[in-house]
Amino acid sequence: MLLELRAENYAVIDHAIATLGPGLNLLTGETGAGKSILVDALSLLMGGKASSDVVRHGSEKAVVACVFESTPEAEAILEANGLDVEGSEIILRREILATGKGRVYVNNQAATASVLRQLAPELALVHAQNETRAGFDAEQQRMLLDRYAGISKESVATAYAKWREIATKLQELEQDEQDRLRMTDLWAFQSNEINSAAPKPGEDEALEAEKRILANAEKLYAAAMTAYDLLYESSTSTETTLRAAQRHIEELARYDPKFADGSQQLQSVRAIIEDIAATVRDFAEGTQASPERLADIEDRLALLDRLKRKYGASLDQVIAYGEESARKVEELENREHRVSILQKELAGAALVFKSAAAALSEERQTTARRLEKLVEQQINDLAMKVKFTIGVRSMEAESDWTAHGWDEIECRISTNPGEPMKPLEEIASGGEMSRVLLALKVSVEDGASKAGRGRKRAALPRTLVFDEIDIGIGGRAAEAVGQKLKALSRSQQVLCVTHLPQIAAFADHHFVVEKREAQGRTRTSVRVLGESDRLEEIARMLSGAKLTDASLKNAEQMLKASAGA
């Protein structure tokens, strides 16, 4: 859900913030106040193309930003792009400089417009004059059809993944002979080089420790023997001094019991001193300067370092690389047998996929016939007279297989009697396109709530944005648009720009975009309306700038009527 949208120095907007809520969010205001500009700002945050023309005159840069509730899918996209997930919200910000350059930030981390475009299908779908066609592609049409009937693609996706995995392995084995021989020689050399060195896990660390000792053998021997003398061996050693002190303490303890514990403690200290002395003595006896051994260690470490530079950062990685190279060599040497096995496995996997894809296609065909009738009825409720069909074409060539099956979904429409059916994207009017999409989505949500009970629905964008949806309609058609927007908003957040009071009356959250002149500059602001303000705004939309008792009464009736929707 979109929680907040803001713009600074963007077109005629100097600073505007809209805090949105669940359900139906409506933007109204005088013509030219900047309502559609806010939708354009959101389009930029969904990865739309930026231009320096949007920077407010006299400003260095325009800034648009928004806050969305996070989703697991959106978080996965962020992680895949190396961006941190922060809390339960996703903050998008885009700066457009007057020089034409721009910057993108996601959760206050530098990002790219490409990341915004990846996030867009998960966060919002914008239906504006210049955004609808790009936003409603074949993938979206397929998702809506599948959602309508709660179609599960799990079996197809599993079958496709298995088939694709086997096909990839087979393709690797069926590279041309020259490539195969070259790769075999390379992997064999790598495997032999690693096996000849026979590295052991942790060997380099142990050799480094031994090298440090051998390189400083004389110094370490002298230090150990000096410590041994001071602790135990010499006539003035610590142990000798403690032994003498202990005898005196024992003499005192014969006359005063309070010294008994002291005698025991000295005995313990002497035992510790003896242990330490024995340890350093043994170390000294085992430390011998050996130039030959040191040279061997340095040669071995040089060999291991060379392997690590070529095959991995650690010996564990080097060993794993050698094992993988040996496996590849063995696989290629047994190529013909392996190819034969994979070809049989691939044929079996293809049959499984075809069966699952055909069943899915049949289900889509049946679903499309039901949905197209419902959508056509819904569209015709919106002051249009159309014919609407949903085509499901099975693309059975292997090059067209996907995890979603092999179907190509295309919605087609005829907006006037006698005209041929055309793809949706060829509709000339953006307002018509938005109304068609509204009817389609309402139909889908209604069907999903009935047919999809107890079944997992396909994911859809959380926020739907409609602009120019009410062009060329009024009266009952406008009220029908409002009712459909309200119905759609029960399952998804909706943001809509409207000029009609019949639609505005259905708002859960009503915002007015106002333009005023101050200090010689035009400024646009966004204000959320309370109940009394809503009444006046709808009355203004009915009668114009001058409010009348009749328009206020009519507005009140509209609000009461829409309250039960």
Protein backbone atom coordinates (compact mmCIF):
# COMPACT_ATOMS: atom_id res chain seq x y z
CA MET A 1 0.00 0.00 0.00
CA LEU A 2 1.16 3.54 -0.80
CA LEU A 3 1.46 5.42 2.47
CA GLU A 4 2.82 8.79 1.39
CA LEU A 5 3.54 10.71 -1.81
CA ARG A 6 5.43 13.99 -1.92
CA ALA A 7 6.83 16.37 -4.50
CA GLU A 8 9.10 19.40 -4.21
CA ASN A 9 9.84 21.92 -6.96
CA TYR A 10 8.12 19.59 -9.42
CA ALA A 11 6.37 21.41 -12.30
CA VAL A 12 4.00 23.91 -10.61
CA ILE A 13 4.30 22.20 -7.23
CA ASP A 14 6.67 23.84 -4.77
CA HIS A 15 5.97 21.46 -1.88
CA ALA A 16 3.10 18.98 -1.56
CA ILE A 17 2.52 15.92 0.61
CA ALA A 18 -0.35 13.43 0.43
CA THR A 19 -0.72 10.83 3.19
CA LEU A 20 -2.88 8.07 1.76
CA GLY A 21 -4.87 5.33 3.42
CA PRO A 22 -6.46 2.00 2.52
CA GLY A 23 -9.41 1.84 0.20
CA LEU A 24 -10.34 4.52 -2.34
CA ASN A 25 -8.18 7.68 -2.37
CA LEU A 26 -9.50 10.42 -4.66
CA LEU A 27 -7.82 13.60 -5.90
CA THR A 28 -10.01 16.49 -7.02
CA GLY A 29 -9.44 20.15 -7.76
CA GLU A 30 -9.78 22.85 -10.36
CA THR A 31 -8.61 22.13 -13.89
CA GLY A 32 -4.89 22.89 -14.15
CA ALA A 33 -4.33 22.72 -10.37
CA GLY A 34 -1.85 19.86 -10.76
CA LYS A 35 -3.81 16.69 -9.98
CA SER A 36 -2.32 14.68 -12.82
CA ILE A 37 1.12 16.05 -11.98
CA LEU A 38 1.05 13.98 -8.78
CA VAL A 39 0.26 10.86 -10.80
CA ASP A 40 3.15 11.72 -13.12
CA ALA A 41 5.40 12.04 -10.06
CA LEU A 42 4.42 8.54 -8.95
CA SER A 43 5.11 7.28 -12.47
CA LEU A 44 8.65 8.63 -12.16
CA LEU A 45 9.05 6.70 -8.92
CA MET A 46 7.96 3.57 -10.76
CA GLY A 47 10.92 4.01 -13.11
CA GLY A 48 9.41 6.32 -15.74
CA LYS A 49 11.60 8.44 -17.97
CA ALA A 50 12.70 11.71 -16.36
CA SER A 51 13.18 15.09 -18.02
CA SER A 52 14.64 18.38 -16.77
CA ASP A 53 11.42 20.05 -18.01
CA VAL A 54 9.70 18.98 -14.76
CA VAL A 55 12.05 21.08 -12.59
CA ARG A 56 10.18 24.12 -11.26
CA HIS A 57 11.43 27.36 -12.81
CA GLY A 58 14.19 28.89 -10.72
CA SER A 59 14.98 25.66 -8.82
CA GLU A 60 18.13 23.56 -9.02
CA LYS A 61 16.29 20.26 -8.82
CA ALA A 62 12.91 18.57 -8.46
CA VAL A 63 12.43 15.87 -5.82
CA VAL A 64 9.68 13.25 -5.77
CA ALA A 65 9.41 10.63 -3.04
CA CYS A 66 7.00 8.03 -1.71
CA VAL A 67 6.67 5.45 1.04
CA PHE A 68 5.20 1.99 0.40
CA GLU A 69 4.46 -0.83 2.78
CA SER A 70 7.07 -3.52 2.18
CA THR A 71 6.28 -6.96 0.78
CA PRO A 72 8.36 -10.16 0.74
CA GLU A 73 8.63 -9.97 -3.05
CA ALA A 74 9.80 -6.35 -2.97
CA GLU A 75 12.35 -7.18 -0.27
CA ALA A 76 13.69 -10.01 -2.43
CA ILE A 77 14.15 -7.55 -5.31
CA LEU A 78 16.08 -5.18 -3.03
CA GLU A 79 18.33 -7.96 -1.75
CA ALA A 80 19.00 -9.16 -5.29
CA ASN A 81 20.21 -5.63 -6.12
CA GLY A 82 22.42 -5.36 -3.03
CA LEU A 83 20.11 -2.94 -1.20
CA ASP A 84 19.33 -3.18 2.51
CA VAL A 85 15.77 -3.78 3.70
CA GLU A 86 14.87 -1.35 6.46
CA GLY A 87 11.86 -2.13 8.64
CA SER A 88 8.40 -2.64 7.17
CA GLU A 89 8.53 0.23 4.66
CA ILE A 90 10.20 0.95 1.34
CA ILE A 91 11.18 4.57 0.71
CA LEU A 92 11.71 5.66 -2.89
CA ARG A 93 13.19 9.05 -3.82
CA ARG A 94 14.15 10.51 -7.15
CA GLU A 95 15.94 13.78 -7.83
CA ILE A 96 15.86 15.43 -11.26
CA LEU A 97 18.47 18.15 -11.71
CA ALA A 98 17.95 21.21 -13.91
CA THR A 99 21.06 20.09 -15.83
CA GLY A 100 19.21 16.97 -16.96
CA LYS A 101 21.00 14.53 -14.66
CA GLY A 102 19.23 12.62 -11.93
CA ARG A 103 19.68 10.45 -8.86
CA VAL A 104 17.66 7.55 -7.46
CA TYR A 105 17.56 6.40 -3.84
CA VAL A 106 15.87 3.35 -2.31
CA ASN A 107 15.74 3.30 1.49
CA ASN A 108 18.24 6.21 1.38
CA GLN A 109 20.71 4.08 -0.59
CA ALA A 110 21.89 5.02 -4.06
CA ALA A 111 20.11 2.95 -6.71
CA THR A 112 19.08 3.11 -10.37
CA ALA A 113 15.88 3.65 -12.34
CA SER A 114 16.17 -0.02 -13.33
CA VAL A 115 15.59 -1.03 -9.69
CA LEU A 116 12.48 1.17 -9.60
CA ARG A 117 11.16 -0.57 -12.71
CA GLN A 118 11.77 -3.96 -11.08
CA LEU A 119 9.87 -2.87 -7.96
CA ALA A 120 6.98 -1.25 -9.86
CA PRO A 121 4.92 -4.40 -10.65
CA GLU A 122 5.03 -5.37 -6.97
CA LEU A 123 4.16 -1.94 -5.57
CA ALA A 124 1.88 -0.06 -7.98
CA LEU A 125 0.37 -0.05 -11.45
CA VAL A 126 -0.27 3.40 -12.93
CA HIS A 127 -3.03 3.89 -15.51
CA ALA A 128 -2.43 7.36 -16.91
CA GLN A 129 -2.60 8.71 -20.44
CA ASN A 130 1.07 7.92 -21.06
CA GLU A 131 1.49 4.99 -18.69
CA THR A 132 -1.41 2.59 -19.29
CA ARG A 133 -0.15 0.88 -22.41
CA ALA A 134 3.30 0.29 -21.00
CA GLY A 135 1.91 -0.94 -17.68
CA PHE A 136 -0.66 -3.37 -19.06
CA ASP A 137 1.49 -5.82 -20.99
CA ALA A 138 0.90 -9.46 -21.87
CA GLU A 139 2.28 -10.55 -18.50
CA GLN A 140 -0.30 -8.44 -16.63
CA GLN A 141 -3.11 -9.82 -18.79
CA ARG A 142 -2.03 -13.38 -18.02
CA MET A 143 -1.81 -12.63 -14.29
CA LEU A 144 -5.35 -11.20 -14.26
CA LEU A 145 -6.81 -14.20 -16.07
CA ASP A 146 -5.09 -16.63 -13.70
CA ARG A 147 -6.18 -14.62 -10.67
CA TYR A 148 -9.82 -14.59 -11.77
CA ALA A 149 -10.19 -18.34 -11.37
CA GLY A 150 -7.46 -18.86 -8.80
CA ILE A 151 -5.46 -20.91 -11.30
CA SER A 152 -2.43 -22.65 -9.81
CA LYS A 153 0.71 -22.87 -11.95
CA GLU A 154 2.74 -24.88 -9.45
CA SER A 155 2.74 -28.14 -11.43
CA VAL A 156 3.67 -26.36 -14.66
CA ALA A 157 6.44 -24.38 -12.96
CA THR A 158 7.89 -27.56 -11.39
CA ALA A 159 7.75 -29.44 -14.70
CA TYR A 160 9.34 -26.52 -16.57
CA ALA A 161 12.16 -26.18 -14.04
CA LYS A 162 12.96 -29.90 -14.36
CA TRP A 163 12.87 -29.80 -18.17
CA ARG A 164 15.00 -26.64 -18.29
CA GLU A 165 17.58 -28.13 -15.92
CA ILE A 166 18.00 -31.28 -18.03
CA ALA A 167 18.03 -29.29 -21.28
CA THR A 168 20.81 -27.06 -19.96
CA LYS A 169 22.94 -30.06 -18.94
CA LEU A 170 22.39 -31.67 -22.33
CA GLN A 171 23.28 -28.47 -24.14
CA GLU A 172 26.53 -28.23 -22.19
CA LEU A 173 27.44 -31.80 -23.16
CA GLU A 174 26.52 -31.24 -26.81
CA GLN A 175 28.86 -28.32 -27.40
CA ASP A 176 30.97 -28.75 -30.53
CA GLU A 177 33.81 -31.24 -30.39
CA GLN A 178 36.60 -28.64 -30.38
CA ASP A 179 35.12 -26.86 -27.37
CA ARG A 180 34.58 -30.17 -25.61
CA LEU A 181 38.18 -31.31 -26.08
CA ARG A 182 39.53 -27.91 -25.07
CA MET A 183 37.45 -27.84 -21.87
CA THR A 184 38.34 -31.45 -21.09
CA ASP A 185 42.06 -30.65 -21.33
CA LEU A 186 41.64 -27.55 -19.17
CA TRP A 187 39.69 -29.31 -16.44
CA ALA A 188 42.08 -32.29 -16.51
CA PHE A 189 45.07 -29.97 -16.09
CA GLN A 190 43.40 -28.13 -13.22
CA SER A 191 42.44 -31.36 -11.49
CA ASN A 192 45.93 -32.84 -11.88
CA GLU A 193 47.62 -29.66 -10.67
CA ILE A 194 45.55 -29.62 -7.50
CA ASN A 195 45.80 -33.38 -6.92
CA SER A 196 49.59 -33.30 -7.40
CA ALA A 197 49.92 -30.67 -4.70
CA ALA A 198 47.57 -32.68 -2.44
CA PRO A 199 46.57 -29.73 -0.23
CA LYS A 200 44.96 -30.49 3.10
CA PRO A 201 42.38 -28.30 4.87
CA GLY A 202 44.12 -25.85 7.24
CA GLU A 203 47.58 -26.91 6.07
CA ASP A 204 48.65 -23.36 5.15
CA GLU A 205 47.79 -22.01 8.61
CA ALA A 206 49.78 -24.76 10.36
CA LEU A 207 52.79 -24.19 8.07
CA GLU A 208 52.69 -20.44 8.69
CA ALA A 209 52.82 -21.06 12.43
CA GLU A 210 55.75 -23.48 12.07
CA LYS A 211 57.52 -21.02 9.75
CA ARG A 212 57.31 -18.26 12.35
CA ILE A 213 58.93 -20.53 14.95
CA LEU A 214 61.74 -21.74 12.68
CA ALA A 215 62.52 -18.24 11.43
CA ASN A 216 63.03 -17.14 15.06
CA ALA A 217 64.43 -20.39 16.51
CA GLU A 218 67.51 -18.95 18.25
CA LYS A 219 65.59 -16.07 19.78
CA LEU A 220 62.78 -18.38 20.96
CA TYR A 221 65.27 -20.94 22.40
CA ALA A 222 67.07 -18.22 24.40
CA ALA A 223 63.80 -16.79 25.67
CA ALA A 224 62.48 -20.20 26.73
CA MET A 225 65.69 -21.21 28.56
CA THR A 226 65.93 -17.85 30.33
CA ALA A 227 62.34 -18.21 31.47
CA TYR A 228 63.06 -21.76 32.64
CA ASP A 229 66.05 -20.61 34.71
CA LEU A 230 64.16 -17.74 36.29
CA LEU A 231 61.17 -19.89 37.08
CA TYR A 232 62.81 -23.13 38.25
CA GLU A 233 66.44 -23.96 37.56
CA SER A 234 68.62 -21.17 39.05
CA SER A 235 69.46 -20.88 42.77
CA THR A 236 67.44 -17.65 42.85
CA SER A 237 64.53 -18.96 40.81
CA THR A 238 60.93 -18.19 41.58
CA GLU A 239 60.30 -21.77 42.65
CA THR A 240 63.26 -21.75 45.07
CA THR A 241 62.12 -18.47 46.62
CA LEU A 242 58.55 -19.72 46.98
CA ARG A 243 59.75 -22.99 48.57
CA ALA A 244 61.72 -21.05 51.18
CA ALA A 245 58.79 -18.72 51.85
CA GLN A 246 56.50 -21.73 52.24
CA ARG A 247 58.73 -23.24 54.95
CA HIS A 248 58.55 -19.99 56.94
CA ILE A 249 54.77 -19.81 56.54
CA GLU A 250 54.45 -23.41 57.71
CA GLU A 251 56.49 -22.50 60.81
CA LEU A 252 54.08 -19.64 61.51
CA ALA A 253 51.10 -21.93 61.00
CA ARG A 254 52.33 -24.16 63.84
CA TYR A 255 51.63 -21.27 66.22
CA ASP A 256 48.77 -19.46 64.47
CA PRO A 257 46.21 -21.42 62.36
CA LYS A 258 45.36 -18.41 60.20
CA PHE A 259 48.56 -19.05 58.16
CA ALA A 260 47.46 -22.56 57.18
CA ASP A 261 45.56 -21.37 54.09
CA GLY A 262 48.53 -19.28 53.02
CA SER A 263 50.75 -22.34 53.08
CA GLN A 264 48.30 -24.25 50.86
CA GLN A 265 48.07 -21.36 48.40
CA LEU A 266 51.87 -21.16 48.09
CA GLN A 267 51.93 -24.89 47.41
CA SER A 268 49.42 -24.37 44.56
CA VAL A 269 51.45 -21.49 43.11
CA ARG A 270 54.62 -23.63 43.19
CA ALA A 271 52.78 -26.36 41.25
CA ILE A 272 51.73 -23.81 38.61
CA ILE A 273 55.28 -22.48 38.35
CA GLU A 274 56.58 -26.03 37.90
CA ASP A 275 54.07 -26.69 35.09
CA ILE A 276 54.98 -23.48 33.26
CA ALA A 277 58.69 -24.20 33.67
CA ALA A 278 58.29 -27.70 32.27
CA THR A 279 56.33 -26.34 29.29
CA VAL A 280 58.96 -23.75 28.33
CA ARG A 281 61.75 -26.34 28.85
CA ASP A 282 60.03 -28.78 26.50
CA PHE A 283 59.49 -25.99 23.99
CA ALA A 284 63.19 -25.06 24.12
CA GLU A 285 64.26 -28.69 23.67
CA GLY A 286 62.00 -29.02 20.63
CA THR A 287 63.11 -25.76 19.05
CA GLN A 288 66.03 -26.26 16.74
CA ALA A 289 67.15 -24.05 13.88
CA SER A 290 66.66 -26.00 10.63
CA PRO A 291 67.34 -23.99 7.45
CA GLU A 292 66.38 -27.02 5.34
CA ARG A 293 62.98 -27.40 6.98
CA LEU A 294 62.35 -23.63 6.74
CA ALA A 295 63.16 -23.70 3.02
CA ASP A 296 60.80 -26.65 2.50
CA ILE A 297 57.99 -24.81 4.32
CA GLU A 298 58.49 -21.64 2.27
CA ASP A 299 58.41 -23.66 -0.97
CA ARG A 300 55.24 -25.45 0.13
CA LEU A 301 53.54 -22.19 1.14
CA ALA A 302 54.47 -20.64 -2.22
CA LEU A 303 52.84 -23.59 -3.99
CA LEU A 304 49.70 -23.34 -1.88
CA ASP A 305 49.50 -19.57 -2.44
CA ARG A 306 49.74 -20.11 -6.19
CA LEU A 307 46.87 -22.58 -6.05
CA LYS A 308 44.77 -20.16 -3.99
CA ARG A 309 45.38 -17.33 -6.47
CA LYS A 310 44.13 -19.56 -9.29
CA TYR A 311 41.36 -21.62 -7.72
CA GLY A 312 40.02 -20.07 -4.53
CA ALA A 313 40.59 -17.81 -1.57
CA SER A 314 41.12 -20.74 0.81
CA LEU A 315 42.48 -24.29 0.61
CA ASP A 316 38.94 -25.60 1.18
CA GLN A 317 37.84 -23.77 -1.98
CA VAL A 318 40.88 -25.05 -3.89
CA ILE A 319 40.11 -28.64 -2.89
CA ALA A 320 36.43 -28.21 -3.86
CA TYR A 321 37.49 -26.74 -7.23
CA GLY A 322 39.72 -29.73 -7.91
CA GLU A 323 36.93 -32.16 -7.08
CA GLU A 324 34.52 -30.27 -9.39
CA SER A 325 37.07 -30.27 -12.23
CA ALA A 326 37.58 -34.02 -11.83
CA ARG A 327 33.82 -34.55 -11.89
CA LYS A 328 33.51 -32.54 -15.13
CA VAL A 329 36.34 -34.49 -16.75
CA GLU A 330 34.70 -37.78 -15.80
CA GLU A 331 31.36 -36.54 -17.09
CA LEU A 332 32.82 -35.46 -20.43
CA GLU A 333 34.82 -38.66 -20.80
CA ASN A 334 31.55 -40.56 -20.37
CA ARG A 335 29.79 -38.07 -22.65
CA GLU A 336 28.03 -40.44 -25.03
CA HIS A 337 26.56 -42.51 -22.25
CA ARG A 338 25.58 -39.38 -20.33
CA VAL A 339 24.02 -37.76 -23.43
CA SER A 340 21.93 -40.87 -24.03
CA ILE A 341 20.65 -40.85 -20.46
CA LEU A 342 19.89 -37.09 -20.52
CA GLN A 343 18.04 -37.36 -23.85
CA LYS A 344 15.72 -39.95 -22.36
CA GLU A 345 15.26 -37.85 -19.21
CA LEU A 346 14.58 -34.75 -21.34
CA ALA A 347 11.94 -36.53 -23.40
CA GLY A 348 10.22 -37.67 -20.21
CA ALA A 349 10.39 -34.19 -18.66
CA ALA A 350 8.99 -32.66 -21.87
CA LEU A 351 5.99 -35.01 -21.77
CA VAL A 352 5.30 -34.04 -18.15
CA PHE A 353 5.51 -30.34 -19.03
CA LYS A 354 3.29 -30.71 -22.11
CA SER A 355 0.65 -32.51 -20.09
CA ALA A 356 0.68 -29.84 -17.35
CA ALA A 357 0.77 -26.96 -19.87
CA ALA A 358 -2.10 -28.42 -21.91
CA ALA A 359 -4.24 -28.82 -18.78
CA LEU A 360 -3.42 -25.24 -17.76
CA SER A 361 -4.25 -23.98 -21.25
CA GLU A 362 -7.61 -25.74 -21.22
CA GLU A 363 -8.41 -24.20 -17.83
CA ARG A 364 -7.46 -20.76 -19.14
CA GLN A 365 -9.64 -21.21 -22.24
CA THR A 366 -12.66 -22.02 -20.09
CA THR A 367 -11.90 -19.18 -17.69
CA ALA A 368 -11.41 -16.67 -20.52
CA ARG A 369 -14.91 -17.35 -21.92
CA ARG A 370 -16.49 -16.62 -18.52
CA LEU A 371 -14.36 -13.57 -17.81
CA GLU A 372 -14.78 -11.87 -21.19
CA LYS A 373 -18.58 -11.87 -20.85
CA LEU A 374 -18.40 -10.38 -17.39
CA VAL A 375 -15.86 -7.73 -18.45
CA GLU A 376 -17.89 -6.73 -21.50
CA GLN A 377 -20.94 -6.18 -19.30
CA GLN A 378 -18.88 -4.15 -16.82
CA ILE A 379 -17.38 -1.98 -19.59
CA ASN A 380 -20.77 -1.25 -21.10
CA ASP A 381 -21.92 0.03 -17.72
CA LEU A 382 -19.32 2.79 -18.11
CA ALA A 383 -20.84 4.74 -21.04
CA MET A 384 -19.15 2.56 -23.65
CA LYS A 385 -20.59 0.10 -26.15
CA VAL A 386 -17.96 -2.51 -26.85
CA LYS A 387 -17.24 -6.07 -27.78
CA PHE A 388 -14.54 -7.68 -25.63
CA THR A 389 -12.71 -10.98 -26.01
CA ILE A 390 -9.79 -12.72 -24.31
CA GLY A 391 -7.67 -14.82 -26.60
CA VAL A 392 -5.67 -17.77 -25.30
CA ARG A 393 -3.20 -19.02 -27.90
CA SER A 394 -1.06 -22.07 -27.14
CA MET A 395 2.54 -21.54 -28.30
CA GLU A 396 3.70 -25.15 -28.22
CA ALA A 397 7.20 -24.63 -29.65
CA GLU A 398 9.90 -25.30 -27.05
CA SER A 399 11.23 -21.77 -27.50
CA ASP A 400 7.91 -20.47 -26.08
CA TRP A 401 7.82 -22.69 -22.99
CA THR A 402 7.91 -20.84 -19.66
CA ALA A 403 7.28 -21.49 -15.98
CA HIS A 404 3.77 -20.08 -16.61
CA GLY A 405 2.98 -22.53 -19.40
CA TRP A 406 2.95 -21.86 -23.14
CA ASP A 407 -0.09 -19.61 -23.48
CA GLU A 408 -0.12 -16.13 -25.00
CA ILE A 409 -2.97 -14.08 -23.52
CA GLU A 410 -4.35 -11.13 -25.47
CA CYS A 411 -7.35 -8.98 -24.60
CA ARG A 412 -9.04 -7.53 -27.70
CA ILE A 413 -11.79 -4.94 -27.99
CA SER A 414 -14.03 -3.18 -30.48
CA THR A 415 -15.14 0.19 -29.12
CA ASN A 416 -17.67 0.92 -31.88
CA PRO A 417 -20.21 -1.28 -33.69
CA GLY A 418 -18.85 -2.67 -36.93
CA GLU A 419 -15.21 -2.05 -36.09
CA PRO A 420 -12.80 -4.99 -36.01
CA MET A 421 -11.46 -6.36 -32.73
CA LYS A 422 -8.11 -4.79 -31.79
CA PRO A 423 -5.61 -5.34 -28.99
CA LEU A 424 -6.26 -3.17 -25.94
CA GLU A 425 -3.07 -1.16 -26.46
CA GLU A 426 -4.46 0.17 -29.75
CA ILE A 427 -7.31 2.01 -28.04
CA ALA A 428 -6.79 5.70 -28.87
CA SER A 429 -8.24 7.28 -25.74
CA GLY A 430 -6.40 7.01 -22.46
CA GLY A 431 -9.69 7.59 -20.64
CA GLU A 432 -11.30 4.67 -22.46
CA MET A 433 -8.28 2.50 -21.69
CA SER A 434 -8.50 3.34 -17.99
CA ARG A 435 -12.20 2.50 -17.90
CA VAL A 436 -11.62 -0.81 -19.66
CA LEU A 437 -8.91 -1.70 -17.17
CA LEU A 438 -11.14 -0.67 -14.28
CA ALA A 439 -13.92 -2.93 -15.53
CA LEU A 440 -11.44 -5.76 -16.10
CA LYS A 441 -9.95 -5.51 -12.64
CA VAL A 442 -13.33 -5.25 -10.93
CA SER A 443 -14.45 -8.37 -12.79
CA VAL A 444 -11.28 -10.21 -11.82
CA GLU A 445 -11.55 -9.30 -8.14
CA ASP A 446 -15.23 -10.24 -8.06
CA GLY A 447 -14.49 -13.59 -9.68
CA ALA A 448 -11.47 -14.21 -7.49
CA SER A 449 -13.48 -13.66 -4.33
CA LYS A 450 -16.09 -16.21 -5.50
CA ALA A 451 -14.16 -18.84 -7.44
CA GLY A 452 -10.91 -18.56 -5.56
CA ARG A 453 -12.10 -19.27 -2.03
CA GLY A 454 -9.58 -21.47 -0.27
CA ARG A 455 -7.08 -21.14 -3.11
CA LYS A 456 -3.97 -19.03 -3.24
CA ARG A 457 -4.42 -16.06 -5.54
CA ALA A 458 -1.76 -14.76 -7.89
CA ALA A 459 -0.03 -11.65 -6.65
CA LEU A 460 -1.10 -8.29 -8.05
CA PRO A 461 0.19 -4.76 -7.47
CA ARG A 462 -0.93 -3.43 -4.11
CA THR A 463 -1.83 0.08 -5.37
CA LEU A 464 -3.77 0.88 -8.54
CA VAL A 465 -3.66 4.42 -9.92
CA PHE A 466 -6.23 5.79 -12.39
CA ASP A 467 -6.02 9.13 -14.19
CA GLU A 468 -8.31 10.54 -16.89
CA ILE A 469 -10.78 7.75 -16.15
CA ASP A 470 -13.89 9.99 -16.32
CA ILE A 471 -13.30 11.72 -19.66
CA GLY A 472 -16.49 11.84 -21.76
CA ILE A 473 -18.87 10.38 -19.18
CA GLY A 474 -21.38 11.72 -16.69
CA GLY A 475 -24.63 10.93 -14.94
CA ARG A 476 -25.27 7.25 -14.33
CA ALA A 477 -22.07 6.18 -16.08
CA ALA A 478 -20.06 8.33 -13.68
CA GLU A 479 -21.86 6.80 -10.72
CA ALA A 480 -21.12 3.34 -12.14
CA VAL A 481 -17.41 4.21 -12.36
CA GLY A 482 -17.51 5.33 -8.73
CA GLN A 483 -19.19 2.10 -7.65
CA LYS A 484 -16.63 0.00 -9.51
CA LEU A 485 -13.72 1.95 -8.05
CA LYS A 486 -15.23 1.43 -4.60
CA ALA A 487 -15.64 -2.30 -5.22
CA LEU A 488 -12.07 -2.61 -6.45
CA SER A 489 -10.74 -0.68 -3.44
CA ARG A 490 -12.02 -3.37 -1.08
CA SER A 491 -9.23 -5.71 -2.21
CA GLN A 492 -6.57 -3.22 -3.34
CA GLN A 493 -5.66 0.35 -2.55
CA VAL A 494 -6.87 2.68 -5.31
CA LEU A 495 -5.71 6.23 -6.10
CA CYS A 496 -7.81 8.08 -8.66
CA VAL A 497 -7.89 11.57 -10.15
CA THR A 498 -11.43 12.65 -10.98
CA HIS A 499 -13.36 15.72 -12.16
CA LEU A 500 -16.80 14.29 -11.41
CA PRO A 501 -18.70 14.66 -8.13
CA GLN A 502 -20.50 11.35 -8.71
CA ILE A 503 -17.12 9.58 -8.42
CA ALA A 504 -15.70 11.81 -5.67
CA ALA A 505 -18.62 10.94 -3.41
CA PHE A 506 -17.34 7.37 -3.06
CA ALA A 507 -13.96 8.33 -1.58
CA ASP A 508 -12.63 6.78 1.61
CA HIS A 509 -9.96 9.50 1.64
CA HIS A 510 -10.62 12.70 -0.31
CA PHE A 511 -7.79 15.08 -1.23
CA VAL A 512 -8.13 18.43 -2.95
CA VAL A 513 -5.32 19.85 -5.06
CA GLU A 514 -5.32 23.66 -4.85
CA LYS A 515 -3.42 26.23 -6.86
CA ARG A 516 -2.82 29.74 -5.56
CA GLU A 517 -0.60 32.69 -6.32
CA ALA A 518 1.81 34.02 -3.68
CA GLN A 519 4.68 36.46 -4.09
CA GLY A 520 4.31 36.42 -7.84
CA ARG A 521 4.58 32.59 -8.10
CA THR A 522 1.99 29.90 -8.61
CA ARG A 523 1.99 27.32 -5.81
CA THR A 524 0.14 24.01 -5.64
CA SER A 525 -0.74 22.20 -2.41
CA VAL A 526 -2.58 19.02 -1.41
CA ARG A 527 -5.09 19.03 1.44
CA VAL A 528 -7.05 16.14 2.94
CA LEU A 529 -10.72 16.97 3.43
CA GLY A 530 -12.86 16.43 6.49
CA GLU A 531 -16.59 15.72 6.23
CA SER A 532 -17.70 19.37 6.00
CA ASP A 533 -14.93 20.22 3.54
CA ARG A 534 -15.87 17.21 1.41
CA LEU A 535 -19.44 18.43 1.24
CA GLU A 536 -18.32 21.84 -0.01
CA GLU A 537 -15.83 20.36 -2.52
CA ILE A 538 -18.45 18.08 -4.07
CA ALA A 539 -20.90 20.98 -4.15
CA ARG A 540 -18.23 23.06 -5.92
CA MET A 541 -17.76 20.29 -8.46
CA LEU A 542 -21.52 20.35 -9.07
CA SER A 543 -22.09 24.10 -9.38
CA GLY A 544 -18.70 25.69 -10.04
CA ALA A 545 -16.88 28.27 -7.95
CA LYS A 546 -20.06 29.65 -6.36
CA LEU A 547 -21.73 27.37 -3.85
CA THR A 548 -25.51 27.26 -3.77
CA ASP A 549 -28.01 25.74 -1.39
CA ALA A 550 -29.11 23.42 -4.17
CA SER A 551 -25.58 22.19 -4.87
CA LEU A 552 -24.92 21.67 -1.15
CA LYS A 553 -28.13 19.68 -0.79
CA ASN A 554 -27.35 17.65 -3.89
CA ALA A 555 -23.82 16.96 -2.60
CA GLU A 556 -25.22 15.82 0.75
CA GLN A 557 -27.54 13.39 -1.02
CA MET A 558 -24.65 12.03 -3.07
CA LEU A 559 -22.56 11.38 0.03
CA LYS A 560 -25.43 9.63 1.78
CA ALA A 561 -26.14 7.47 -1.25
CA SER A 562 -22.49 6.49 -1.68
CA ALA A 563 -22.08 5.66 2.01
CA GLY A 564 -23.89 2.37 1.52
CA ALA A 565 -21.82 1.34 -1.49
